[in-house]
């Protein structure tokens, strides 16, 4: 459960970075806004007290693990394939 500062570069990454920030598990900086000062400010916001961010990251990890990962995705795809 590692806190993250995410700078997305592709369309799907933007949505994922925004979602991560909404969970409290990290921070999102749009690529056009990345500067040394902005990155330093993000680090300064995270580093003094990582406990809440780590807790949010751990909760997100548990939520994603509960979804079943690749085996669950394969099962869903096989169900869909059977309907087509």
C-alpha atoms as a PDB file:
ATOM      1  CA  UNK A   1       0.000   0.000   0.000  1.00  0.00           C
ATOM      2  CA  UNK A   2       2.272   2.718  -1.299  1.00  0.00           C
ATOM      3  CA  UNK A   3       1.059   6.293  -1.652  1.00  0.00           C
ATOM      4  CA  UNK A   4       1.556   7.599  -5.163  1.00  0.00           C
ATOM      5  CA  UNK A   5       1.956  10.829  -7.049  1.00  0.00           C
ATOM      6  CA  UNK A   6       0.620  10.044 -10.509  1.00  0.00           C
ATOM      7  CA  UNK A   7       1.365  12.007 -13.672  1.00  0.00           C
ATOM      8  CA  UNK A   8      -0.732  10.341 -16.379  1.00  0.00           C
ATOM      9  CA  UNK A   9       0.279  10.472 -20.030  1.00  0.00           C
ATOM     10  CA  UNK A  10      -2.448   8.550 -21.880  1.00  0.00           C
ATOM     11  CA  UNK A  11      -6.228   8.756 -21.974  1.00  0.00           C
ATOM     12  CA  UNK A  12      -6.956   5.804 -19.673  1.00  0.00           C
ATOM     13  CA  UNK A  13      -4.259   6.871 -17.225  1.00  0.00           C
ATOM     14  CA  UNK A  14      -5.955  10.232 -16.679  1.00  0.00           C
ATOM     15  CA  UNK A  15      -9.161   8.581 -15.471  1.00  0.00           C
ATOM     16  CA  UNK A  16      -7.210   6.150 -13.283  1.00  0.00           C
ATOM     17  CA  UNK A  17      -5.113   8.945 -11.759  1.00  0.00           C
ATOM     18  CA  UNK A  18      -8.202  10.991 -10.962  1.00  0.00           C
ATOM     19  CA  UNK A  19      -9.819   7.937  -9.381  1.00  0.00           C
ATOM     20  CA  UNK A  20      -6.731   7.242  -7.284  1.00  0.00           C
ATOM     21  CA  UNK A  21      -6.751  10.812  -6.016  1.00  0.00           C
ATOM     22  CA  UNK A  22     -10.473  10.553  -5.163  1.00  0.00           C
ATOM     23  CA  UNK A  23      -9.763   7.505  -2.977  1.00  0.00           C
ATOM     24  CA  UNK A  24      -7.148   9.416  -0.992  1.00  0.00           C
ATOM     25  CA  UNK A  25      -4.485   6.843  -1.906  1.00  0.00           C
ATOM     26  CA  UNK A  26      -2.347   9.352  -3.774  1.00  0.00           C
ATOM     27  CA  UNK A  27      -2.166  12.592  -5.677  1.00  0.00           C
ATOM     28  CA  UNK A  28      -2.758  13.366  -9.344  1.00  0.00           C
ATOM     29  CA  UNK A  29      -0.823  16.023 -11.230  1.00  0.00           C
ATOM     30  CA  UNK A  30      -1.898  16.663 -14.832  1.00  0.00           C
ATOM     31  CA  UNK A  31       1.121  16.537 -17.179  1.00  0.00           C
ATOM     32  CA  UNK A  32       0.672  20.175 -18.216  1.00  0.00           C
ATOM     33  CA  UNK A  33       0.928  21.206 -14.549  1.00  0.00           C
ATOM     34  CA  UNK A  34       4.114  19.326 -13.638  1.00  0.00           C
ATOM     35  CA  UNK A  35       6.858  21.600 -12.427  1.00  0.00           C
ATOM     36  CA  UNK A  36       9.594  21.129  -9.871  1.00  0.00           C
ATOM     37  CA  UNK A  37       7.629  23.330  -7.477  1.00  0.00           C
ATOM     38  CA  UNK A  38       4.361  21.432  -8.013  1.00  0.00           C
ATOM     39  CA  UNK A  39       6.065  18.078  -7.492  1.00  0.00           C
ATOM     40  CA  UNK A  40       7.843  19.378  -4.393  1.00  0.00           C
ATOM     41  CA  UNK A  41       4.505  20.633  -3.049  1.00  0.00           C
ATOM     42  CA  UNK A  42       2.912  17.235  -3.676  1.00  0.00           C
ATOM     43  CA  UNK A  43       5.732  15.494  -1.830  1.00  0.00           C
ATOM     44  CA  UNK A  44       5.473  17.999   1.004  1.00  0.00           C
ATOM     45  CA  UNK A  45       1.747  17.259   1.241  1.00  0.00           C
ATOM     46  CA  UNK A  46       2.285  13.484   1.424  1.00  0.00           C
ATOM     47  CA  UNK A  47       5.442  13.018   3.459  1.00  0.00           C
ATOM     48  CA  UNK A  48       4.610  14.588   6.844  1.00  0.00           C
ATOM     49  CA  UNK A  49       1.895  12.023   7.587  1.00  0.00           C
ATOM     50  CA  UNK A  50       1.763   9.017   5.309  1.00  0.00           C
ATOM     51  CA  UNK A  51      -0.515   6.998   7.620  1.00  0.00           C
ATOM     52  CA  UNK A  52      -3.858   8.215   6.207  1.00  0.00           C
ATOM     53  CA  UNK A  53      -2.690   7.876   2.607  1.00  0.00           C
ATOM     54  CA  UNK A  54      -1.286   4.393   3.311  1.00  0.00           C
ATOM     55  CA  UNK A  55      -4.599   3.418   4.913  1.00  0.00           C
ATOM     56  CA  UNK A  56      -6.498   4.587   1.831  1.00  0.00           C
ATOM     57  CA  UNK A  57      -4.036   2.753  -0.430  1.00  0.00           C
ATOM     58  CA  UNK A  58      -4.449  -0.451   1.618  1.00  0.00           C
ATOM     59  CA  UNK A  59      -8.240  -0.164   1.424  1.00  0.00           C
ATOM     60  CA  UNK A  60      -8.047   0.314  -2.343  1.00  0.00           C
ATOM     61  CA  UNK A  61      -5.726  -2.691  -2.661  1.00  0.00           C
ATOM     62  CA  UNK A  62      -8.174  -4.842  -0.656  1.00  0.00           C
ATOM     63  CA  UNK A  63     -11.123  -3.629  -2.730  1.00  0.00           C
ATOM     64  CA  UNK A  64      -9.344  -4.472  -5.977  1.00  0.00           C
ATOM     65  CA  UNK A  65      -8.200  -7.869  -4.656  1.00  0.00           C
ATOM     66  CA  UNK A  66     -11.791  -8.697  -3.710  1.00  0.00           C
ATOM     67  CA  UNK A  67     -12.801  -8.247  -7.348  1.00  0.00           C
ATOM     68  CA  UNK A  68     -10.930 -11.449  -8.208  1.00  0.00           C
ATOM     69  CA  UNK A  69      -8.264 -10.165 -10.581  1.00  0.00           C
ATOM     70  CA  UNK A  70      -7.421 -12.023 -13.772  1.00  0.00           C
ATOM     71  CA  UNK A  71      -9.405 -15.202 -12.931  1.00  0.00           C
ATOM     72  CA  UNK A  72     -12.582 -13.151 -12.448  1.00  0.00           C
ATOM     73  CA  UNK A  73     -11.953 -11.227 -15.673  1.00  0.00           C
ATOM     74  CA  UNK A  74     -11.473 -14.499 -17.581  1.00  0.00           C
ATOM     75  CA  UNK A  75     -14.715 -15.896 -16.142  1.00  0.00           C
ATOM     76  CA  UNK A  76     -16.620 -12.790 -17.235  1.00  0.00           C
ATOM     77  CA  UNK A  77     -15.120 -12.919 -20.724  1.00  0.00           C
ATOM     78  CA  UNK A  78     -16.024 -16.593 -21.035  1.00  0.00           C
ATOM     79  CA  UNK A  79     -19.610 -15.805 -20.003  1.00  0.00           C
ATOM     80  CA  UNK A  80     -19.818 -13.024 -22.583  1.00  0.00           C
ATOM     81  CA  UNK A  81     -18.314 -15.264 -25.252  1.00  0.00           C
ATOM     82  CA  UNK A  82     -21.006 -17.844 -24.527  1.00  0.00           C
ATOM     83  CA  UNK A  83     -23.717 -15.252 -25.200  1.00  0.00           C
ATOM     84  CA  UNK A  84     -22.332 -14.083 -28.528  1.00  0.00           C
END
